[in-house]
């Protein structure tokens, strides 16, 4: 028998406000409010994520990657002959999960799982010398050793839809309560001025 996952989408505040609540579960009250800005702040503070994609044959794959954010996009440096470069270029679609470390020093003595931020995204694979990437290469220097800057591929990840979070913006005790710990927040891309 196949299992299904149903996600309940919570309503977003009036006039496109960036505040949402977690879906209720079993009659429990709504969870803490979380804003798009708070989620982007956590994504920008991080540098490690799990990038998931499918092969041209439809087989799922995932890889741990280092990333940097520029604006509201993630950039990942990969080898041009890597599976990531080939498979992401073929589909242009990825899913990303960013773990968010919780607990500070307490996490050194007791197991505290990380909070997570997950989202779907479109992805574009650029050659390092492409005009689209040339302007951001300086900001990618921490991901890309100097000797690989001319040969690497850069995956540009553009989040879409909603962030699905668990444990972001809640206390450690609330991590045990799924209704309190999860939220869905709109991604909302930057709007260009002018």
C-alpha atoms as a PDB file:
ATOM      1  CA  UNK A   1       0.000   0.000   0.000  1.00  0.00           C
ATOM      2  CA  UNK A   2       1.384   3.413  -0.926  1.00  0.00           C
ATOM      3  CA  UNK A   3       1.724   6.062   1.727  1.00  0.00           C
ATOM      4  CA  UNK A   4       0.746   9.635   1.052  1.00  0.00           C
ATOM      5  CA  UNK A   5       1.769  12.889   2.604  1.00  0.00           C
ATOM      6  CA  UNK A   6      -0.768  15.654   2.788  1.00  0.00           C
ATOM      7  CA  UNK A   7       0.402  19.142   3.562  1.00  0.00           C
ATOM      8  CA  UNK A   8      -2.059  21.678   4.863  1.00  0.00           C
ATOM      9  CA  UNK A   9      -1.357  25.139   3.591  1.00  0.00           C
ATOM     10  CA  UNK A  10      -2.043  27.831   6.146  1.00  0.00           C
ATOM     11  CA  UNK A  11      -3.568  31.091   4.931  1.00  0.00           C
ATOM     12  CA  UNK A  12      -1.245  34.032   4.434  1.00  0.00           C
ATOM     13  CA  UNK A  13      -2.074  37.374   6.049  1.00  0.00           C
ATOM     14  CA  UNK A  14      -3.962  40.099   4.230  1.00  0.00           C
ATOM     15  CA  UNK A  15      -2.457  41.994   1.310  1.00  0.00           C
ATOM     16  CA  UNK A  16       0.446  39.577   0.810  1.00  0.00           C
ATOM     17  CA  UNK A  17       1.892  39.997   4.301  1.00  0.00           C
ATOM     18  CA  UNK A  18       4.906  37.751   4.846  1.00  0.00           C
ATOM     19  CA  UNK A  19       3.534  36.127   7.975  1.00  0.00           C
ATOM     20  CA  UNK A  20       2.100  32.646   8.137  1.00  0.00           C
ATOM     21  CA  UNK A  21       1.310  30.066  10.763  1.00  0.00           C
ATOM     22  CA  UNK A  22       2.022  26.381  10.893  1.00  0.00           C
ATOM     23  CA  UNK A  23      -0.796  24.033  10.033  1.00  0.00           C
ATOM     24  CA  UNK A  24      -2.773  22.791  12.979  1.00  0.00           C
ATOM     25  CA  UNK A  25      -2.606  19.176  13.981  1.00  0.00           C
ATOM     26  CA  UNK A  26      -5.195  17.251  15.954  1.00  0.00           C
ATOM     27  CA  UNK A  27      -7.048  20.328  17.185  1.00  0.00           C
ATOM     28  CA  UNK A  28      -3.942  21.964  18.651  1.00  0.00           C
ATOM     29  CA  UNK A  29      -3.520  25.722  18.475  1.00  0.00           C
ATOM     30  CA  UNK A  30      -1.659  27.458  15.668  1.00  0.00           C
ATOM     31  CA  UNK A  31       2.129  27.689  15.887  1.00  0.00           C
ATOM     32  CA  UNK A  32       4.345  30.711  16.321  1.00  0.00           C
ATOM     33  CA  UNK A  33       4.475  33.227  13.517  1.00  0.00           C
ATOM     34  CA  UNK A  34       7.488  33.226  11.238  1.00  0.00           C
ATOM     35  CA  UNK A  35       8.300  35.751   8.517  1.00  0.00           C
ATOM     36  CA  UNK A  36       9.949  35.333   5.153  1.00  0.00           C
ATOM     37  CA  UNK A  37      12.678  37.732   6.286  1.00  0.00           C
ATOM     38  CA  UNK A  38      13.484  35.535   9.315  1.00  0.00           C
ATOM     39  CA  UNK A  39      13.751  32.424   7.144  1.00  0.00           C
ATOM     40  CA  UNK A  40      15.983  34.136   4.570  1.00  0.00           C
ATOM     41  CA  UNK A  41      18.177  35.349   7.441  1.00  0.00           C
ATOM     42  CA  UNK A  42      18.683  31.729   8.585  1.00  0.00           C
ATOM     43  CA  UNK A  43      19.395  30.550   5.014  1.00  0.00           C
ATOM     44  CA  UNK A  44      21.939  33.366   4.538  1.00  0.00           C
ATOM     45  CA  UNK A  45      23.690  32.480   7.829  1.00  0.00           C
ATOM     46  CA  UNK A  46      24.168  28.882   6.703  1.00  0.00           C
ATOM     47  CA  UNK A  47      26.658  27.413   4.272  1.00  0.00           C
ATOM     48  CA  UNK A  48      25.701  23.706   4.081  1.00  0.00           C
ATOM     49  CA  UNK A  49      22.606  22.219   2.461  1.00  0.00           C
ATOM     50  CA  UNK A  50      21.338  18.990   0.974  1.00  0.00           C
ATOM     51  CA  UNK A  51      20.611  19.403  -2.739  1.00  0.00           C
ATOM     52  CA  UNK A  52      18.167  16.871  -4.195  1.00  0.00           C
ATOM     53  CA  UNK A  53      17.518  16.280  -7.876  1.00  0.00           C
ATOM     54  CA  UNK A  54      16.588  13.478 -10.273  1.00  0.00           C
ATOM     55  CA  UNK A  55      18.678  11.780 -12.917  1.00  0.00           C
ATOM     56  CA  UNK A  56      17.518  11.806 -16.551  1.00  0.00           C
ATOM     57  CA  UNK A  57      16.262   8.236 -15.852  1.00  0.00           C
ATOM     58  CA  UNK A  58      14.091   9.601 -13.020  1.00  0.00           C
ATOM     59  CA  UNK A  59      16.170   8.191 -10.153  1.00  0.00           C
ATOM     60  CA  UNK A  60      16.386  10.412  -7.033  1.00  0.00           C
ATOM     61  CA  UNK A  61      19.763  11.698  -5.873  1.00  0.00           C
ATOM     62  CA  UNK A  62      20.894  14.027  -3.120  1.00  0.00           C
ATOM     63  CA  UNK A  63      24.249  15.541  -2.227  1.00  0.00           C
ATOM     64  CA  UNK A  64      25.610  17.663   0.562  1.00  0.00           C
ATOM     65  CA  UNK A  65      26.821  20.978  -0.847  1.00  0.00           C
ATOM     66  CA  UNK A  66      28.378  24.217   0.326  1.00  0.00           C
ATOM     67  CA  UNK A  67      26.556  27.338  -0.794  1.00  0.00           C
ATOM     68  CA  UNK A  68      26.542  31.084  -0.478  1.00  0.00           C
ATOM     69  CA  UNK A  69      23.608  33.442  -0.838  1.00  0.00           C
ATOM     70  CA  UNK A  70      23.596  36.549  -2.957  1.00  0.00           C
ATOM     71  CA  UNK A  71      20.337  38.405  -2.761  1.00  0.00           C
ATOM     72  CA  UNK A  72      17.638  35.785  -2.556  1.00  0.00           C
ATOM     73  CA  UNK A  73      19.447  33.115  -4.544  1.00  0.00           C
ATOM     74  CA  UNK A  74      21.838  30.354  -3.555  1.00  0.00           C
ATOM     75  CA  UNK A  75      25.032  29.645  -5.488  1.00  0.00           C
ATOM     76  CA  UNK A  76      26.820  26.297  -5.400  1.00  0.00           C
ATOM     77  CA  UNK A  77      30.200  25.576  -7.023  1.00  0.00           C
ATOM     78  CA  UNK A  78      30.560  22.081  -8.535  1.00  0.00           C
ATOM     79  CA  UNK A  79      32.910  20.250 -10.873  1.00  0.00           C
ATOM     80  CA  UNK A  80      31.777  20.472 -14.518  1.00  0.00           C
ATOM     81  CA  UNK A  81      31.865  16.670 -14.897  1.00  0.00           C
ATOM     82  CA  UNK A  82      29.939  16.000 -11.652  1.00  0.00           C
ATOM     83  CA  UNK A  83      26.552  14.302 -11.474  1.00  0.00           C
ATOM     84  CA  UNK A  84      25.166  17.469  -9.906  1.00  0.00           C
ATOM     85  CA  UNK A  85      26.194  19.613 -12.870  1.00  0.00           C
ATOM     86  CA  UNK A  86      24.883  17.143 -15.456  1.00  0.00           C
ATOM     87  CA  UNK A  87      21.638  16.119 -13.765  1.00  0.00           C
ATOM     88  CA  UNK A  88      20.605  19.545 -12.507  1.00  0.00           C
ATOM     89  CA  UNK A  89      21.239  21.011 -15.962  1.00  0.00           C
ATOM     90  CA  UNK A  90      19.031  18.314 -17.521  1.00  0.00           C
ATOM     91  CA  UNK A  91      15.978  18.982 -15.335  1.00  0.00           C
ATOM     92  CA  UNK A  92      16.409  22.539 -14.057  1.00  0.00           C
ATOM     93  CA  UNK A  93      14.537  21.553 -10.865  1.00  0.00           C
ATOM     94  CA  UNK A  94      15.888  20.833  -7.378  1.00  0.00           C
ATOM     95  CA  UNK A  95      14.781  20.537  -3.774  1.00  0.00           C
ATOM     96  CA  UNK A  96      16.952  21.946  -1.023  1.00  0.00           C
ATOM     97  CA  UNK A  97      17.083  21.351   2.737  1.00  0.00           C
ATOM     98  CA  UNK A  98      19.147  23.679   4.907  1.00  0.00           C
ATOM     99  CA  UNK A  99      19.839  22.374   8.445  1.00  0.00           C
ATOM    100  CA  UNK A 100      19.845  25.064  11.134  1.00  0.00           C
ATOM    101  CA  UNK A 101      21.949  24.216  14.183  1.00  0.00           C
ATOM    102  CA  UNK A 102      20.096  24.595  17.492  1.00  0.00           C
ATOM    103  CA  UNK A 103      21.043  24.382  21.154  1.00  0.00           C
ATOM    104  CA  UNK A 104      24.407  26.145  21.278  1.00  0.00           C
ATOM    105  CA  UNK A 105      26.660  24.562  23.891  1.00  0.00           C
ATOM    106  CA  UNK A 106      23.796  22.353  25.089  1.00  0.00           C
ATOM    107  CA  UNK A 107      23.955  20.490  21.754  1.00  0.00           C
ATOM    108  CA  UNK A 108      27.478  19.308  22.673  1.00  0.00           C
ATOM    109  CA  UNK A 109      26.159  17.284  25.630  1.00  0.00           C
ATOM    110  CA  UNK A 110      22.693  16.223  24.514  1.00  0.00           C
ATOM    111  CA  UNK A 111      21.444  15.256  21.063  1.00  0.00           C
ATOM    112  CA  UNK A 112      19.406  18.138  19.677  1.00  0.00           C
ATOM    113  CA  UNK A 113      18.343  17.698  16.064  1.00  0.00           C
ATOM    114  CA  UNK A 114      18.836  20.671  13.777  1.00  0.00           C
ATOM    115  CA  UNK A 115      15.903  22.739  12.653  1.00  0.00           C
ATOM    116  CA  UNK A 116      15.317  22.565   8.887  1.00  0.00           C
ATOM    117  CA  UNK A 117      14.303  24.833   6.035  1.00  0.00           C
ATOM    118  CA  UNK A 118      13.204  23.026   2.869  1.00  0.00           C
ATOM    119  CA  UNK A 119      12.051  24.369  -0.479  1.00  0.00           C
ATOM    120  CA  UNK A 120      11.662  23.636  -4.175  1.00  0.00           C
ATOM    121  CA  UNK A 121      13.619  25.694  -6.669  1.00  0.00           C
ATOM    122  CA  UNK A 122      14.498  26.180 -10.273  1.00  0.00           C
ATOM    123  CA  UNK A 123      18.201  25.784 -10.940  1.00  0.00           C
ATOM    124  CA  UNK A 124      20.502  27.005 -13.682  1.00  0.00           C
ATOM    125  CA  UNK A 125      23.968  25.554 -14.259  1.00  0.00           C
ATOM    126  CA  UNK A 126      26.451  28.204 -15.438  1.00  0.00           C
ATOM    127  CA  UNK A 127      30.023  27.826 -16.603  1.00  0.00           C
ATOM    128  CA  UNK A 128      32.347  29.901 -14.389  1.00  0.00           C
ATOM    129  CA  UNK A 129      33.238  32.181 -17.300  1.00  0.00           C
ATOM    130  CA  UNK A 130      29.612  32.915 -18.253  1.00  0.00           C
ATOM    131  CA  UNK A 131      28.532  36.571 -18.074  1.00  0.00           C
ATOM    132  CA  UNK A 132      25.779  35.700 -15.571  1.00  0.00           C
ATOM    133  CA  UNK A 133      28.301  34.360 -13.049  1.00  0.00           C
ATOM    134  CA  UNK A 134      31.317  36.570 -13.756  1.00  0.00           C
ATOM    135  CA  UNK A 135      29.791  39.404 -11.729  1.00  0.00           C
ATOM    136  CA  UNK A 136      29.362  37.212  -8.608  1.00  0.00           C
ATOM    137  CA  UNK A 137      32.646  35.250  -8.727  1.00  0.00           C
ATOM    138  CA  UNK A 138      34.262  37.499  -6.108  1.00  0.00           C
ATOM    139  CA  UNK A 139      31.485  36.644  -3.628  1.00  0.00           C
ATOM    140  CA  UNK A 140      31.905  32.938  -4.436  1.00  0.00           C
ATOM    141  CA  UNK A 141      35.648  32.933  -3.661  1.00  0.00           C
ATOM    142  CA  UNK A 142      35.106  31.146  -0.337  1.00  0.00           C
ATOM    143  CA  UNK A 143      33.461  28.228  -2.197  1.00  0.00           C
ATOM    144  CA  UNK A 144      35.888  28.083  -5.057  1.00  0.00           C
ATOM    145  CA  UNK A 145      39.676  27.804  -4.810  1.00  0.00           C
ATOM    146  CA  UNK A 146      41.500  30.128  -7.215  1.00  0.00           C
ATOM    147  CA  UNK A 147      42.768  27.235  -9.363  1.00  0.00           C
ATOM    148  CA  UNK A 148      39.165  26.049  -9.984  1.00  0.00           C
ATOM    149  CA  UNK A 149      37.567  29.424 -10.695  1.00  0.00           C
ATOM    150  CA  UNK A 150      38.043  29.123 -14.432  1.00  0.00           C
ATOM    151  CA  UNK A 151      36.841  25.517 -14.681  1.00  0.00           C
ATOM    152  CA  UNK A 152      34.005  25.076 -12.178  1.00  0.00           C
ATOM    153  CA  UNK A 153      30.294  25.182 -12.830  1.00  0.00           C
ATOM    154  CA  UNK A 154      28.075  27.340 -10.681  1.00  0.00           C
ATOM    155  CA  UNK A 155      24.548  26.192  -9.876  1.00  0.00           C
ATOM    156  CA  UNK A 156      22.240  29.140  -9.333  1.00  0.00           C
ATOM    157  CA  UNK A 157      19.287  28.077  -7.149  1.00  0.00           C
ATOM    158  CA  UNK A 158      16.155  30.233  -7.248  1.00  0.00           C
ATOM    159  CA  UNK A 159      13.710  29.251  -4.465  1.00  0.00           C
ATOM    160  CA  UNK A 160      10.025  29.152  -5.389  1.00  0.00           C
ATOM    161  CA  UNK A 161       6.690  28.819  -3.656  1.00  0.00           C
ATOM    162  CA  UNK A 162       7.023  28.358   0.079  1.00  0.00           C
ATOM    163  CA  UNK A 163       9.674  27.509   2.624  1.00  0.00           C
ATOM    164  CA  UNK A 164       8.656  24.525   4.754  1.00  0.00           C
ATOM    165  CA  UNK A 165      10.329  24.879   8.135  1.00  0.00           C
ATOM    166  CA  UNK A 166      10.658  22.765  11.244  1.00  0.00           C
ATOM    167  CA  UNK A 167      12.005  24.218  14.478  1.00  0.00           C
ATOM    168  CA  UNK A 168      12.842  27.657  13.078  1.00  0.00           C
ATOM    169  CA  UNK A 169      11.800  30.547  15.312  1.00  0.00           C
ATOM    170  CA  UNK A 170      10.584  28.336  18.179  1.00  0.00           C
ATOM    171  CA  UNK A 171      12.063  27.342  21.527  1.00  0.00           C
ATOM    172  CA  UNK A 172      13.886  24.043  22.000  1.00  0.00           C
ATOM    173  CA  UNK A 173      10.971  22.660  24.031  1.00  0.00           C
ATOM    174  CA  UNK A 174       8.587  23.379  21.147  1.00  0.00           C
ATOM    175  CA  UNK A 175      10.655  21.140  18.829  1.00  0.00           C
ATOM    176  CA  UNK A 176       8.842  18.156  20.366  1.00  0.00           C
ATOM    177  CA  UNK A 177       5.447  19.489  19.246  1.00  0.00           C
ATOM    178  CA  UNK A 178       5.056  19.208  15.448  1.00  0.00           C
ATOM    179  CA  UNK A 179       2.141  21.652  15.376  1.00  0.00           C
ATOM    180  CA  UNK A 180       4.242  24.284  17.147  1.00  0.00           C
ATOM    181  CA  UNK A 181       7.516  23.551  15.332  1.00  0.00           C
ATOM    182  CA  UNK A 182       6.483  23.570  11.680  1.00  0.00           C
ATOM    183  CA  UNK A 183       5.544  26.445   9.424  1.00  0.00           C
ATOM    184  CA  UNK A 184       5.053  27.308   5.769  1.00  0.00           C
ATOM    185  CA  UNK A 185       6.306  30.722   4.715  1.00  0.00           C
ATOM    186  CA  UNK A 186       6.190  32.312   1.246  1.00  0.00           C
ATOM    187  CA  UNK A 187       9.576  32.606  -0.474  1.00  0.00           C
ATOM    188  CA  UNK A 188       8.816  35.955  -2.173  1.00  0.00           C
ATOM    189  CA  UNK A 189      11.673  37.009  -4.431  1.00  0.00           C
ATOM    190  CA  UNK A 190      13.226  40.478  -4.344  1.00  0.00           C
ATOM    191  CA  UNK A 191      11.496  42.993  -6.502  1.00  0.00           C
ATOM    192  CA  UNK A 192      13.699  45.033  -8.784  1.00  0.00           C
ATOM    193  CA  UNK A 193      13.689  48.760  -8.192  1.00  0.00           C
ATOM    194  CA  UNK A 194      12.568  50.914 -11.020  1.00  0.00           C
END
